[in-house]
Amino acid sequence: MKAAVIHQFGEPEVFRYEDVDTPEPGPGSLLLKVLAAGVNRFDHYIREGSIVPELPFPHILGADAAGEVAAVGEGVTGFEVGERVIPMPSYPAKAEDAGIYPNSAAPSFTVTGLGTPGTYAQYLEVPARWVLHDETGLCPEKVATLPMVTATSVRAVKVVGEVQPGDNVLVTAGSSGLGTFEIQVARALGARVATTVRSPHKAEALRELGADLVIHPGEEDLVEAVKTWTNGRGADVVIDNAGGSVLQQAIHAARPQGIIVAAGFLDGTQVRFDIRDFFFAQKQLRGTLAGDITDLRRGLEQIKEGRIRATLDRTLPLSNAAEAHRLVASNAITGNVALLPWAA
């Protein structure tokens, strides 16, 4: 089969489009034909060496996919060859860890494309317990953009952020793949949403996704804009995808006893803040990681009902994985990119 493979860490140019062995489905697993593979910023971080210090090279990246069942392993029931499916982008690798909640706390938790071969290939082997039937009705390239951002957003907004109807929610870096879904999840829960964007030309797209207020940090003060929007109260919940100096501002933008969810680090991993902001105002800073399969199910139900939509910016052939990574790393897109493994 064809795959986009890296043999070392580095810039996007390290990708090689080459032939590799097609996997066989082991007991309890499915072999999926990858119809489209989603590209996440997490993949970019792995490729450049920011996530782990070493990988078993050569390595295939990619956590997200839309596929169809190509072969069924021994002992698997409930799936037939040719069915459209959606694999979980992350899960506990050991069956005995499957019941640990959240799944990301399991000792054997792994992300496809990090601990196992990824989706930037024509075929993928996945344990059947971590595969869902695709009932979205969407084309494969749109479905491929959904799993990681959907599950992660539902967990960040609904589970960790505890967003309720009527809440005022601030989502930073709203045009990122994760941000576009967090805006929609919050809106689907009945919240009002403010978001930030660095490129003014992306503002209208975020309003179309449901953002009530779009803030341009380079032109206006983030904290003051949120305080004005909430009549001086501050945001009930902040979902921060930026980290760095943006998280410092986000803390000030949250109301007393508000919740700040650290969901990413686009602006950097180092943050400085005054502990008194939490001590006297009793704010809460919470971390979030990947969602569980229940989070993905909840999100896919919202997508099927039309309350959340896929934010596909463009597609590229799998042979052009390097360009996809350049686009993601430079914030040149609004939403997500999908790779097509069977395109010429």
Protein backbone atom coordinates (compact mmCIF):
# COMPACT_ATOMS: atom_id res chain seq x y z
CA MET A 1 0.00 0.00 0.00
CA LYS A 2 0.99 3.64 -0.37
CA ALA A 3 1.70 5.77 2.71
CA ALA A 4 3.17 9.13 3.69
CA VAL A 5 6.12 8.12 5.87
CA ILE A 6 8.64 10.01 7.99
CA HIS A 7 12.11 8.58 8.66
CA GLN A 8 13.19 11.35 11.04
CA PHE A 9 11.86 14.41 12.85
CA GLY A 10 11.97 17.71 11.03
CA GLU A 11 10.20 20.14 8.73
CA PRO A 12 7.37 19.00 6.44
CA GLU A 13 9.93 18.01 3.80
CA VAL A 14 10.73 14.86 5.80
CA PHE A 15 7.62 13.15 4.39
CA ARG A 16 8.20 10.43 1.80
CA TYR A 17 5.41 8.93 -0.27
CA GLU A 18 6.32 5.27 -0.58
CA ASP A 19 5.21 1.65 -0.59
CA VAL A 20 4.86 -0.16 2.74
CA ASP A 21 3.42 -3.51 3.77
CA THR A 22 -0.36 -3.69 4.04
CA PRO A 23 -1.34 -4.74 7.60
CA GLU A 24 -3.42 -7.82 8.37
CA PRO A 25 -6.27 -7.66 10.91
CA GLY A 26 -5.38 -9.58 14.07
CA PRO A 27 -7.89 -11.21 16.42
CA GLY A 28 -10.43 -8.63 17.59
CA SER A 29 -9.37 -6.09 14.95
CA LEU A 30 -10.57 -4.64 11.67
CA LEU A 31 -8.63 -3.74 8.57
CA LEU A 32 -9.97 -0.45 7.26
CA LYS A 33 -9.57 1.00 3.80
CA VAL A 34 -8.78 4.65 4.52
CA LEU A 35 -11.01 6.78 2.30
CA ALA A 36 -9.69 10.03 3.74
CA ALA A 37 -7.30 11.01 6.54
CA GLY A 38 -7.66 14.13 8.67
CA VAL A 39 -4.65 16.33 9.48
CA ASN A 40 -4.41 17.72 13.01
CA ARG A 41 -1.95 20.15 14.58
CA PHE A 42 -1.05 17.29 16.93
CA ASP A 43 0.38 15.46 13.88
CA HIS A 44 2.54 18.50 13.15
CA TYR A 45 3.88 18.51 16.71
CA ILE A 46 4.78 14.82 16.46
CA ARG A 47 6.53 15.32 13.11
CA GLU A 48 8.70 18.18 14.38
CA GLY A 49 9.65 16.22 17.53
CA SER A 50 7.76 18.30 20.10
CA ILE A 51 5.63 15.48 21.56
CA VAL A 52 8.02 12.57 22.09
CA PRO A 53 11.84 12.50 21.94
CA GLU A 54 11.94 9.42 19.71
CA LEU A 55 9.78 7.24 17.45
CA PRO A 56 10.32 3.82 15.87
CA PHE A 57 11.22 5.13 12.39
CA PRO A 58 10.07 4.76 9.68
CA HIS A 59 6.72 5.96 11.00
CA ILE A 60 3.24 6.76 9.65
CA LEU A 61 1.48 9.75 11.22
CA GLY A 62 -2.24 10.52 11.36
CA ALA A 63 -4.94 10.03 14.01
CA ASP A 64 -8.15 10.71 12.05
CA ALA A 65 -9.77 8.72 9.27
CA ALA A 66 -12.97 7.93 7.46
CA GLY A 67 -12.94 4.39 6.17
CA GLU A 68 -14.71 1.27 5.17
CA VAL A 69 -14.21 -2.25 6.47
CA ALA A 70 -11.79 -4.12 4.21
CA ALA A 71 -11.36 -7.27 6.33
CA VAL A 72 -12.62 -8.60 9.67
CA GLY A 73 -10.32 -10.23 12.21
CA GLU A 74 -11.03 -13.38 14.19
CA GLY A 75 -13.71 -13.01 16.86
CA VAL A 76 -15.10 -9.71 15.56
CA THR A 77 -18.87 -9.36 15.24
CA GLY A 78 -21.12 -6.46 14.26
CA PHE A 79 -19.10 -5.37 11.22
CA GLU A 80 -19.22 -6.40 7.58
CA VAL A 81 -16.84 -5.79 4.70
CA GLY A 82 -17.78 -2.61 2.83
CA GLU A 83 -19.42 -0.80 5.76
CA ARG A 84 -18.50 2.85 6.30
CA VAL A 85 -16.88 3.35 9.70
CA ILE A 86 -15.09 5.90 11.89
CA PRO A 87 -12.16 4.76 14.06
CA MET A 88 -11.39 6.42 17.38
CA PRO A 89 -8.25 8.56 17.09
CA SER A 90 -7.01 7.54 20.55
CA TYR A 91 -7.75 4.69 22.96
CA PRO A 92 -6.22 2.30 25.53
CA ALA A 93 -4.14 -0.23 23.61
CA LYS A 94 -4.70 -3.00 26.19
CA ALA A 95 -8.17 -4.55 26.47
CA GLU A 96 -7.95 -4.62 30.27
CA ASP A 97 -7.67 -0.80 30.31
CA ALA A 98 -10.79 -0.22 28.22
CA GLY A 99 -13.00 0.49 31.25
CA ILE A 100 -10.78 3.21 32.73
CA TYR A 101 -12.43 6.65 32.66
CA PRO A 102 -11.33 8.90 31.17
CA ASN A 103 -9.63 6.67 28.62
CA SER A 104 -6.69 9.10 28.50
CA ALA A 105 -5.86 8.13 32.11
CA ALA A 106 -5.28 4.48 31.13
CA PRO A 107 -1.64 3.29 31.36
CA SER A 108 -1.82 1.95 27.81
CA PHE A 109 -3.57 5.01 26.32
CA THR A 110 -2.20 5.85 22.90
CA VAL A 111 -2.94 8.05 19.93
CA THR A 112 -3.12 6.58 16.44
CA GLY A 113 -0.11 7.85 14.56
CA LEU A 114 1.92 8.15 17.75
CA GLY A 115 1.90 4.80 19.54
CA THR A 116 0.63 2.88 16.50
CA PRO A 117 0.91 3.31 12.71
CA GLY A 118 -1.33 6.17 11.61
CA THR A 119 -3.95 7.04 9.04
CA TYR A 120 -1.70 8.63 6.38
CA ALA A 121 -1.93 5.35 4.46
CA GLN A 122 -4.32 3.39 2.27
CA TYR A 123 -5.09 0.83 4.99
CA LEU A 124 -5.25 0.88 8.80
CA GLU A 125 -5.64 -1.85 11.43
CA VAL A 126 -7.77 -0.88 14.47
CA PRO A 127 -9.22 -2.89 17.42
CA ALA A 128 -12.92 -3.31 16.61
CA ARG A 129 -14.03 -2.05 20.05
CA TRP A 130 -12.73 1.40 19.05
CA VAL A 131 -14.59 1.65 15.74
CA LEU A 132 -18.01 3.26 15.21
CA HIS A 133 -20.40 2.86 12.30
CA ASP A 134 -20.55 6.00 10.17
CA GLU A 135 -24.12 7.29 10.24
CA THR A 136 -23.30 10.94 9.52
CA GLY A 137 -24.31 10.88 5.87
CA LEU A 138 -21.28 13.04 5.04
CA CYS A 139 -18.64 12.48 2.37
CA PRO A 140 -15.43 10.75 3.58
CA GLU A 141 -13.27 13.87 3.38
CA LYS A 142 -15.58 15.72 5.78
CA VAL A 143 -15.90 12.73 8.11
CA ALA A 144 -12.10 12.45 8.26
CA THR A 145 -11.90 15.90 9.87
CA LEU A 146 -14.26 14.93 12.70
CA PRO A 147 -12.99 12.29 15.18
CA MET A 148 -10.24 14.04 17.16
CA VAL A 149 -11.70 17.55 17.16
CA THR A 150 -15.22 16.30 17.87
CA ALA A 151 -14.34 14.03 20.78
CA THR A 152 -11.82 16.51 22.20
CA SER A 153 -14.22 19.47 21.90
CA VAL A 154 -17.13 17.66 23.54
CA ARG A 155 -14.88 16.68 26.41
CA ALA A 156 -13.35 20.16 26.80
CA VAL A 157 -16.63 22.07 26.60
CA LYS A 158 -19.30 19.77 28.02
CA VAL A 159 -17.42 17.46 30.39
CA VAL A 160 -14.45 19.47 31.70
CA GLY A 161 -15.83 22.99 31.13
CA GLU A 162 -19.32 22.03 32.35
CA VAL A 163 -20.89 24.55 29.98
CA GLN A 164 -24.60 25.12 30.67
CA PRO A 165 -27.39 26.84 28.72
CA GLY A 166 -27.07 30.61 29.05
CA ASP A 167 -23.36 30.56 29.92
CA ASN A 168 -21.00 33.11 28.40
CA VAL A 169 -18.11 31.13 26.91
CA LEU A 170 -14.81 32.43 25.53
CA VAL A 171 -12.98 30.20 23.03
CA THR A 172 -9.47 31.37 22.13
CA ALA A 173 -7.95 30.65 18.70
CA GLY A 174 -11.40 30.10 17.27
CA SER A 175 -10.25 29.49 13.69
CA SER A 176 -8.12 26.48 14.66
CA GLY A 177 -9.46 23.02 13.91
CA LEU A 178 -10.32 22.51 17.57
CA GLY A 179 -11.63 26.04 18.05
CA THR A 180 -14.16 25.79 15.24
CA PHE A 181 -15.73 22.76 16.92
CA GLU A 182 -15.61 24.15 20.45
CA ILE A 183 -17.60 27.16 19.25
CA GLN A 184 -20.24 24.86 17.79
CA VAL A 185 -20.39 22.51 20.78
CA ALA A 186 -20.86 25.45 23.15
CA ARG A 187 -23.61 26.87 20.95
CA ALA A 188 -25.32 23.48 20.75
CA LEU A 189 -25.36 23.43 24.56
CA GLY A 190 -27.19 26.78 24.57
CA ALA A 191 -24.27 29.07 25.45
CA ARG A 192 -23.29 32.46 24.05
CA VAL A 193 -19.82 32.37 22.54
CA ALA A 194 -17.02 34.88 22.11
CA THR A 195 -13.86 33.90 20.28
CA THR A 196 -10.51 35.33 19.20
CA VAL A 197 -8.98 35.41 15.74
CA ARG A 198 -5.70 36.86 14.51
CA SER A 199 -6.67 37.10 10.85
CA PRO A 200 -9.61 39.49 10.30
CA HIS A 201 -10.62 37.70 7.07
CA LYS A 202 -11.53 34.61 9.14
CA ALA A 203 -13.97 36.47 11.39
CA GLU A 204 -17.05 36.02 9.21
CA ALA A 205 -16.50 32.25 9.00
CA LEU A 206 -16.52 32.09 12.82
CA ARG A 207 -19.72 34.11 13.00
CA GLU A 208 -21.30 31.63 10.61
CA LEU A 209 -20.32 28.85 13.03
CA GLY A 210 -22.20 30.63 15.81
CA ALA A 211 -19.76 33.03 17.44
CA ASP A 212 -21.65 35.98 18.94
CA LEU A 213 -18.50 38.07 19.33
CA VAL A 214 -15.22 37.88 17.41
CA ILE A 215 -12.28 39.61 19.11
CA HIS A 216 -9.09 40.70 17.32
CA PRO A 217 -6.39 40.67 20.05
CA GLY A 218 -3.99 42.70 17.90
CA GLU A 219 -6.50 45.52 17.63
CA GLU A 220 -8.39 45.41 20.93
CA ASP A 221 -7.90 44.34 24.53
CA LEU A 222 -9.15 40.78 25.03
CA VAL A 223 -10.07 41.19 28.68
CA GLU A 224 -11.89 44.48 28.16
CA ALA A 225 -13.79 43.11 25.16
CA VAL A 226 -15.04 40.13 27.17
CA LYS A 227 -15.92 42.28 30.18
CA THR A 228 -17.92 44.66 27.97
CA TRP A 229 -19.67 41.74 26.27
CA THR A 230 -20.70 40.29 29.64
CA ASN A 231 -21.64 43.61 31.25
CA GLY A 232 -18.53 43.58 33.42
CA ARG A 233 -19.01 40.07 34.77
CA GLY A 234 -16.50 38.04 32.77
CA ALA A 235 -16.83 34.69 30.98
CA ASP A 236 -18.37 31.79 32.87
CA VAL A 237 -16.10 29.36 31.03
CA VAL A 238 -12.94 29.91 28.99
CA ILE A 239 -11.74 27.22 26.59
CA ASP A 240 -8.14 28.19 25.85
CA ASN A 241 -6.38 26.64 22.86
CA ALA A 242 -3.48 29.08 22.89
CA GLY A 243 -1.56 28.85 26.16
CA GLY A 244 1.35 31.26 26.57
CA SER A 245 0.47 34.92 27.06
CA VAL A 246 -3.08 34.33 25.78
CA LEU A 247 -3.88 32.06 28.72
CA GLN A 248 -2.68 34.82 31.05
CA GLN A 249 -5.30 37.13 29.54
CA ALA A 250 -7.93 34.39 29.49
CA ILE A 251 -7.59 33.97 33.24
CA HIS A 252 -8.37 37.66 33.72
CA ALA A 253 -11.31 37.38 31.29
CA ALA A 254 -13.01 34.68 33.41
CA ARG A 255 -15.51 35.72 36.07
CA PRO A 256 -14.97 35.00 39.78
CA GLN A 257 -15.49 31.24 40.35
CA GLY A 258 -15.27 30.76 36.57
CA ILE A 259 -13.66 27.77 34.88
CA ILE A 260 -10.64 28.03 32.59
CA VAL A 261 -9.94 24.92 30.51
CA ALA A 262 -6.40 24.55 29.14
CA ALA A 263 -6.96 22.79 25.80
CA GLY A 264 -3.86 23.66 23.77
CA PHE A 265 -0.65 25.65 23.47
CA LEU A 266 -0.62 27.38 20.08
CA ASP A 267 0.96 30.45 21.69
CA GLY A 268 3.50 28.54 23.77
CA THR A 269 3.83 26.14 26.68
CA GLN A 270 5.12 28.54 29.31
CA VAL A 271 2.56 30.58 31.28
CA ARG A 272 2.97 33.06 34.15
CA PHE A 273 0.07 34.13 36.34
CA ASP A 274 -0.60 35.60 39.74
CA ILE A 275 -1.92 32.91 42.10
CA ARG A 276 -4.05 35.56 43.77
CA ASP A 277 -6.26 35.56 40.65
CA PHE A 278 -7.32 32.09 41.74
CA PHE A 279 -7.05 32.53 45.49
CA PHE A 280 -9.32 35.55 45.90
CA ALA A 281 -11.58 35.07 42.87
CA GLN A 282 -11.82 31.28 43.40
CA LYS A 283 -11.33 30.55 39.71
CA GLN A 284 -10.56 27.04 38.52
CA LEU A 285 -7.88 26.04 35.99
CA ARG A 286 -8.52 22.61 34.50
CA GLY A 287 -6.61 20.56 31.95
CA THR A 288 -8.19 18.46 29.24
CA LEU A 289 -6.86 15.89 26.82
CA ALA A 290 -8.50 13.55 24.33
CA GLY A 291 -12.16 12.58 24.49
CA ASP A 292 -13.57 9.11 25.05
CA ILE A 293 -15.64 7.10 22.60
CA THR A 294 -18.77 8.33 24.43
CA ASP A 295 -17.69 11.92 23.70
CA LEU A 296 -17.26 11.08 20.02
CA ARG A 297 -20.71 9.45 19.93
CA ARG A 298 -22.30 12.56 21.46
CA GLY A 299 -20.59 14.80 18.94
CA LEU A 300 -21.50 12.62 15.97
CA GLU A 301 -25.14 12.67 17.05
CA GLN A 302 -25.04 16.48 16.99
CA ILE A 303 -23.44 16.37 13.55
CA LYS A 304 -26.09 13.96 12.24
CA GLU A 305 -28.78 16.31 13.55
CA GLY A 306 -27.13 19.27 11.80
CA ARG A 307 -26.31 21.17 15.01
CA ILE A 308 -22.56 20.88 14.39
CA ARG A 309 -20.95 20.84 10.95
CA ALA A 310 -17.62 19.71 9.63
CA THR A 311 -15.17 22.54 8.95
CA LEU A 312 -13.26 21.20 5.96
CA ASP A 313 -10.99 23.85 4.48
CA ARG A 314 -9.53 21.77 1.64
CA THR A 315 -8.36 18.33 0.50
CA LEU A 316 -5.00 17.25 -0.84
CA PRO A 317 -3.69 13.93 -2.19
CA LEU A 318 -1.81 11.83 0.37
CA SER A 319 1.36 12.36 -1.65
CA ASN A 320 1.15 16.04 -0.66
CA ALA A 321 1.15 15.50 3.12
CA ALA A 322 4.02 17.97 3.45
CA GLU A 323 1.92 20.81 2.05
CA ALA A 324 -0.95 19.91 4.40
CA HIS A 325 1.41 20.23 7.36
CA ARG A 326 2.72 23.57 6.09
CA LEU A 327 -0.82 24.93 5.91
CA VAL A 328 -1.69 23.74 9.41
CA ALA A 329 1.55 25.00 10.96
CA SER A 330 1.19 28.47 9.39
CA ASN A 331 -2.47 28.87 10.43
CA ALA A 332 -3.32 29.37 6.75
CA ILE A 333 -6.64 27.52 7.00
CA THR A 334 -9.94 27.86 8.80
CA GLY A 335 -10.87 24.44 10.14
CA ASN A 336 -9.27 21.25 8.89
CA VAL A 337 -7.45 19.59 5.99
CA ALA A 338 -8.07 16.06 4.70
CA LEU A 339 -5.67 13.84 2.75
CA LEU A 340 -6.98 11.47 0.05
CA PRO A 341 -4.97 8.21 0.01
CA TRP A 342 -6.48 7.00 -3.28
CA ALA A 343 -6.16 10.26 -5.24
CA ALA A 344 -3.68 10.42 -8.10
